[in-house]
N, C-alpha and C. Protein backbone atom coordinates (compact mmCIF):
# COMPACT_ATOMS: atom_id res chain seq x y z
N MET A 1 63.62 92.23 92.62
CA MET A 1 64.69 92.72 93.46
C MET A 1 65.29 93.95 92.79
N GLY A 2 65.53 95.01 93.57
CA GLY A 2 66.10 96.23 93.03
C GLY A 2 67.59 96.11 92.80
N GLN A 3 68.15 97.17 92.31
CA GLN A 3 69.60 97.23 92.14
C GLN A 3 70.19 97.93 93.35
N TYR A 4 71.39 97.51 93.73
CA TYR A 4 71.99 97.96 94.97
C TYR A 4 73.34 98.63 94.74
N LEU A 5 73.62 99.62 95.57
CA LEU A 5 74.93 100.26 95.63
C LEU A 5 75.50 99.94 97.01
N ILE A 6 76.69 99.37 97.04
CA ILE A 6 77.27 98.93 98.31
C ILE A 6 78.27 99.97 98.80
N ASP A 7 78.05 100.46 100.01
CA ASP A 7 78.93 101.43 100.65
C ASP A 7 80.23 100.73 101.08
N SER A 8 81.27 101.52 101.26
CA SER A 8 82.59 100.98 101.60
C SER A 8 82.57 100.12 102.85
N ASN A 9 81.87 100.57 103.89
CA ASN A 9 81.87 99.81 105.14
C ASN A 9 81.16 98.46 104.98
N ALA A 10 80.17 98.39 104.13
CA ALA A 10 79.47 97.12 103.89
C ALA A 10 80.37 96.16 103.11
N VAL A 11 81.17 96.67 102.18
CA VAL A 11 82.13 95.83 101.46
C VAL A 11 83.14 95.25 102.45
N ILE A 12 83.67 96.09 103.31
CA ILE A 12 84.67 95.65 104.30
C ILE A 12 84.08 94.60 105.23
N ASP A 13 82.85 94.83 105.72
CA ASP A 13 82.21 93.85 106.60
C ASP A 13 81.96 92.53 105.87
N TYR A 14 81.54 92.62 104.62
CA TYR A 14 81.27 91.42 103.83
C TYR A 14 82.55 90.62 103.61
N LEU A 15 83.59 91.29 103.15
CA LEU A 15 84.85 90.58 102.87
C LEU A 15 85.55 90.13 104.15
N GLY A 16 85.26 90.79 105.26
CA GLY A 16 85.85 90.40 106.55
C GLY A 16 85.02 89.38 107.29
N ASN A 17 83.98 88.86 106.63
CA ASN A 17 83.09 87.86 107.25
C ASN A 17 82.49 88.37 108.56
N LEU A 18 82.12 89.64 108.58
CA LEU A 18 81.56 90.25 109.78
C LEU A 18 80.04 90.39 109.73
N LEU A 19 79.43 90.01 108.61
CA LEU A 19 77.98 90.11 108.48
C LEU A 19 77.32 88.88 109.09
N PRO A 20 76.09 89.02 109.59
CA PRO A 20 75.35 87.84 110.02
C PRO A 20 75.06 86.97 108.79
N PRO A 21 74.77 85.70 109.00
CA PRO A 21 74.53 84.79 107.87
C PRO A 21 73.52 85.32 106.85
N VAL A 22 72.45 85.93 107.31
CA VAL A 22 71.44 86.45 106.38
C VAL A 22 72.03 87.56 105.51
N GLY A 23 72.89 88.40 106.08
CA GLY A 23 73.53 89.46 105.32
C GLY A 23 74.52 88.92 104.31
N THR A 24 75.29 87.93 104.72
CA THR A 24 76.25 87.30 103.80
C THR A 24 75.52 86.63 102.65
N ASN A 25 74.45 85.92 102.96
CA ASN A 25 73.66 85.26 101.93
C ASN A 25 73.09 86.29 100.94
N PHE A 26 72.60 87.38 101.47
CA PHE A 26 72.07 88.44 100.61
C PHE A 26 73.15 88.97 99.67
N MET A 27 74.31 89.30 100.25
CA MET A 27 75.41 89.85 99.44
C MET A 27 75.91 88.83 98.42
N ASP A 28 75.87 87.56 98.77
CA ASP A 28 76.31 86.51 97.85
C ASP A 28 75.39 86.40 96.63
N ASN A 29 74.17 86.90 96.76
CA ASN A 29 73.17 86.69 95.71
C ASN A 29 72.74 87.95 94.98
N ILE A 30 73.52 89.00 95.09
CA ILE A 30 73.24 90.22 94.32
C ILE A 30 74.41 90.49 93.39
N ILE A 31 74.14 91.28 92.37
CA ILE A 31 75.23 91.76 91.52
C ILE A 31 75.79 92.99 92.22
N PRO A 32 77.03 92.91 92.69
CA PRO A 32 77.55 94.04 93.46
C PRO A 32 77.84 95.26 92.59
N SER A 33 77.42 96.41 93.07
CA SER A 33 77.71 97.69 92.42
C SER A 33 78.32 98.61 93.46
N ILE A 34 79.32 99.37 93.04
CA ILE A 34 79.97 100.32 93.94
C ILE A 34 80.18 101.65 93.22
N SER A 35 80.38 102.68 94.01
CA SER A 35 80.75 103.99 93.50
C SER A 35 82.27 104.03 93.34
N THR A 36 82.73 104.90 92.48
CA THR A 36 84.17 105.11 92.33
C THR A 36 84.80 105.44 93.68
N ILE A 37 84.10 106.21 94.51
CA ILE A 37 84.64 106.60 95.81
C ILE A 37 84.83 105.39 96.70
N THR A 38 83.95 104.40 96.61
CA THR A 38 84.12 103.17 97.39
C THR A 38 85.38 102.44 96.94
N ARG A 39 85.60 102.39 95.65
CA ARG A 39 86.83 101.77 95.14
C ARG A 39 88.06 102.47 95.73
N ILE A 40 88.05 103.79 95.72
CA ILE A 40 89.17 104.57 96.26
C ILE A 40 89.34 104.28 97.75
N GLU A 41 88.23 104.29 98.48
CA GLU A 41 88.31 104.09 99.94
C GLU A 41 88.84 102.70 100.29
N ILE A 42 88.32 101.67 99.66
CA ILE A 42 88.74 100.33 100.09
C ILE A 42 90.13 99.95 99.58
N LEU A 43 90.49 100.42 98.38
CA LEU A 43 91.84 100.12 97.89
C LEU A 43 92.89 101.02 98.53
N GLY A 44 92.45 102.12 99.12
CA GLY A 44 93.37 103.03 99.82
C GLY A 44 93.59 102.62 101.27
N TRP A 45 93.19 101.44 101.62
CA TRP A 45 93.31 100.92 102.99
C TRP A 45 94.78 100.95 103.41
N TYR A 46 95.07 101.76 104.39
CA TYR A 46 96.43 101.91 104.89
C TYR A 46 96.86 100.62 105.59
N ASN A 47 98.03 100.15 105.28
CA ASN A 47 98.62 98.95 105.89
C ASN A 47 97.91 97.65 105.53
N ALA A 48 97.16 97.64 104.46
CA ALA A 48 96.54 96.39 104.02
C ALA A 48 97.63 95.42 103.60
N THR A 49 97.44 94.16 103.92
CA THR A 49 98.41 93.14 103.52
C THR A 49 98.22 92.83 102.04
N PRO A 50 99.22 92.27 101.40
CA PRO A 50 99.06 91.88 99.99
C PRO A 50 97.88 90.92 99.79
N GLN A 51 97.65 90.03 100.73
CA GLN A 51 96.52 89.09 100.63
C GLN A 51 95.19 89.84 100.71
N GLN A 52 95.08 90.82 101.60
CA GLN A 52 93.85 91.61 101.71
C GLN A 52 93.61 92.42 100.44
N LEU A 53 94.66 93.01 99.90
CA LEU A 53 94.52 93.78 98.66
C LEU A 53 94.12 92.90 97.49
N LEU A 54 94.66 91.69 97.46
CA LEU A 54 94.29 90.75 96.40
C LEU A 54 92.80 90.43 96.48
N ARG A 55 92.29 90.22 97.68
CA ARG A 55 90.86 89.94 97.86
C ARG A 55 90.01 91.14 97.46
N LEU A 56 90.46 92.33 97.81
CA LEU A 56 89.73 93.54 97.44
C LEU A 56 89.71 93.72 95.92
N HIS A 57 90.86 93.53 95.28
CA HIS A 57 90.91 93.65 93.82
C HIS A 57 90.01 92.62 93.15
N SER A 58 89.97 91.42 93.71
CA SER A 58 89.12 90.37 93.16
C SER A 58 87.65 90.76 93.27
N PHE A 59 87.26 91.28 94.43
CA PHE A 59 85.88 91.72 94.62
C PHE A 59 85.54 92.84 93.64
N ILE A 60 86.40 93.83 93.55
CA ILE A 60 86.14 94.98 92.68
C ILE A 60 86.05 94.55 91.22
N GLY A 61 86.84 93.56 90.85
CA GLY A 61 86.80 93.06 89.48
C GLY A 61 85.46 92.46 89.10
N ASN A 62 84.66 92.09 90.10
CA ASN A 62 83.35 91.49 89.86
C ASN A 62 82.20 92.45 90.12
N THR A 63 82.50 93.73 90.21
CA THR A 63 81.44 94.71 90.49
C THR A 63 81.13 95.55 89.26
N LYS A 64 79.96 96.13 89.30
CA LYS A 64 79.63 97.20 88.36
C LYS A 64 80.02 98.48 89.08
N GLN A 65 80.78 99.35 88.43
CA GLN A 65 81.21 100.58 89.06
C GLN A 65 80.52 101.78 88.44
N TYR A 66 80.03 102.66 89.29
CA TYR A 66 79.43 103.91 88.85
C TYR A 66 80.47 105.01 89.02
N ILE A 67 80.83 105.61 87.90
CA ILE A 67 81.86 106.64 87.92
C ILE A 67 81.25 108.01 88.20
N LEU A 68 82.13 108.93 88.55
CA LEU A 68 81.69 110.31 88.75
C LEU A 68 81.41 110.91 87.38
N ASN A 69 80.17 111.28 87.16
CA ASN A 69 79.81 111.98 85.93
C ASN A 69 79.13 113.29 86.34
N GLU A 70 78.72 114.06 85.37
CA GLU A 70 78.16 115.38 85.67
C GLU A 70 76.91 115.29 86.54
N ALA A 71 76.05 114.32 86.29
CA ALA A 71 74.82 114.18 87.09
C ALA A 71 75.14 113.87 88.55
N VAL A 72 76.10 112.99 88.79
CA VAL A 72 76.50 112.66 90.17
C VAL A 72 77.18 113.86 90.82
N ILE A 73 78.02 114.54 90.09
CA ILE A 73 78.69 115.73 90.63
C ILE A 73 77.67 116.78 91.04
N GLU A 74 76.70 117.08 90.18
CA GLU A 74 75.68 118.07 90.51
C GLU A 74 74.84 117.64 91.71
N ALA A 75 74.48 116.37 91.78
CA ALA A 75 73.70 115.87 92.93
C ALA A 75 74.53 115.94 94.21
N THR A 76 75.82 115.67 94.11
CA THR A 76 76.72 115.76 95.26
C THR A 76 76.79 117.20 95.76
N ILE A 77 76.94 118.13 94.85
CA ILE A 77 77.00 119.55 95.22
C ILE A 77 75.71 119.96 95.93
N LYS A 78 74.58 119.55 95.39
CA LYS A 78 73.29 119.89 96.00
C LYS A 78 73.19 119.33 97.43
N LEU A 79 73.59 118.07 97.60
CA LEU A 79 73.55 117.46 98.94
C LEU A 79 74.44 118.22 99.91
N ARG A 80 75.63 118.61 99.45
CA ARG A 80 76.56 119.32 100.33
C ARG A 80 76.06 120.73 100.65
N GLN A 81 75.31 121.34 99.73
CA GLN A 81 74.76 122.67 100.00
C GLN A 81 73.61 122.60 101.00
N GLN A 82 72.87 121.50 100.97
CA GLN A 82 71.67 121.38 101.79
C GLN A 82 71.88 120.69 103.13
N HIS A 83 72.97 119.92 103.25
CA HIS A 83 73.19 119.12 104.46
C HIS A 83 74.66 119.14 104.82
N LYS A 84 74.92 118.97 106.10
CA LYS A 84 76.30 118.80 106.54
C LYS A 84 76.63 117.32 106.35
N ILE A 85 77.38 117.02 105.32
CA ILE A 85 77.72 115.65 104.96
C ILE A 85 79.13 115.63 104.40
N LYS A 86 79.89 114.62 104.76
CA LYS A 86 81.25 114.48 104.24
C LYS A 86 81.19 114.21 102.74
N THR A 87 82.19 114.71 102.04
CA THR A 87 82.21 114.57 100.58
C THR A 87 82.10 113.12 100.11
N PRO A 88 82.87 112.16 100.67
CA PRO A 88 82.72 110.78 100.19
C PRO A 88 81.30 110.24 100.38
N ASP A 89 80.70 110.52 101.52
CA ASP A 89 79.32 110.08 101.76
C ASP A 89 78.36 110.75 100.80
N ALA A 90 78.59 112.03 100.51
CA ALA A 90 77.73 112.75 99.57
C ALA A 90 77.83 112.15 98.17
N ILE A 91 79.03 111.77 97.75
CA ILE A 91 79.20 111.15 96.43
C ILE A 91 78.47 109.82 96.36
N ILE A 92 78.60 109.02 97.40
CA ILE A 92 77.92 107.72 97.43
C ILE A 92 76.41 107.91 97.44
N ALA A 93 75.91 108.82 98.28
CA ALA A 93 74.47 109.09 98.33
C ALA A 93 73.97 109.61 96.99
N ALA A 94 74.71 110.54 96.39
CA ALA A 94 74.31 111.11 95.10
C ALA A 94 74.28 110.03 94.01
N THR A 95 75.25 109.14 94.03
CA THR A 95 75.28 108.05 93.06
C THR A 95 74.03 107.19 93.18
N ALA A 96 73.67 106.85 94.41
CA ALA A 96 72.46 106.04 94.64
C ALA A 96 71.22 106.80 94.17
N LEU A 97 71.15 108.09 94.47
CA LEU A 97 69.99 108.88 94.06
C LEU A 97 69.89 109.01 92.54
N VAL A 98 70.99 109.35 91.89
CA VAL A 98 70.98 109.56 90.44
C VAL A 98 70.57 108.29 89.69
N TYR A 99 71.11 107.16 90.14
CA TYR A 99 70.84 105.90 89.43
C TYR A 99 69.68 105.10 90.02
N LYS A 100 69.02 105.70 91.03
CA LYS A 100 67.87 105.06 91.69
C LYS A 100 68.22 103.67 92.22
N LEU A 101 69.33 103.63 92.97
CA LEU A 101 69.82 102.39 93.56
C LEU A 101 69.50 102.36 95.04
N ILE A 102 69.37 101.17 95.57
CA ILE A 102 69.17 100.98 97.01
C ILE A 102 70.56 100.89 97.64
N LEU A 103 70.81 101.74 98.62
CA LEU A 103 72.12 101.79 99.25
C LEU A 103 72.22 100.77 100.37
N ILE A 104 73.31 100.00 100.35
CA ILE A 104 73.62 99.06 101.42
C ILE A 104 74.79 99.65 102.20
N SER A 105 74.55 99.92 103.49
CA SER A 105 75.59 100.54 104.33
C SER A 105 75.41 100.09 105.77
N ARG A 106 76.50 100.01 106.49
CA ARG A 106 76.43 99.74 107.92
C ARG A 106 75.94 100.98 108.65
N ASN A 107 76.22 102.15 108.10
CA ASN A 107 75.88 103.42 108.74
C ASN A 107 74.71 104.09 108.04
N MET A 108 73.56 103.47 108.05
CA MET A 108 72.41 104.05 107.36
C MET A 108 72.00 105.39 107.95
N GLY A 109 72.33 105.61 109.21
CA GLY A 109 72.03 106.90 109.82
C GLY A 109 72.71 108.04 109.09
N ASP A 110 73.86 107.76 108.47
CA ASP A 110 74.57 108.78 107.71
C ASP A 110 73.79 109.21 106.47
N PHE A 111 72.87 108.36 106.02
CA PHE A 111 72.21 108.60 104.74
C PHE A 111 70.68 108.77 104.83
N LYS A 112 70.08 108.56 105.99
CA LYS A 112 68.62 108.59 106.13
C LYS A 112 67.98 109.84 105.55
N LYS A 113 68.57 110.99 105.82
CA LYS A 113 67.93 112.25 105.43
C LYS A 113 68.08 112.56 103.94
N TYR A 114 68.74 111.71 103.18
CA TYR A 114 68.99 112.00 101.77
C TYR A 114 68.12 111.16 100.83
N GLN A 115 67.11 110.54 101.36
CA GLN A 115 66.24 109.68 100.55
C GLN A 115 65.35 110.50 99.65
């Protein structure tokens, strides 16, 4: 089994019990990894309740986090120069590319051309 990077929307769907049983089972059985940008996106949830934030912090506490380093920054810049892509998505895609991770996202269409 490869290593996975979980996009923000997949984290939200997982924690919100919105995945089909096979998806939940899969997520339950991997070591979760996220990008720093995913941490920012999910913890920056506007109007999140204290209970929701507690669950998010608990999830993040059990993840491996990939920080922005020079290799990810350079890969992000390259993606943005070559494609019309939002900066957060470019950072997540670049993180997956640099570390050779399989990206888990609800919006795979956003990332197809960056493989």
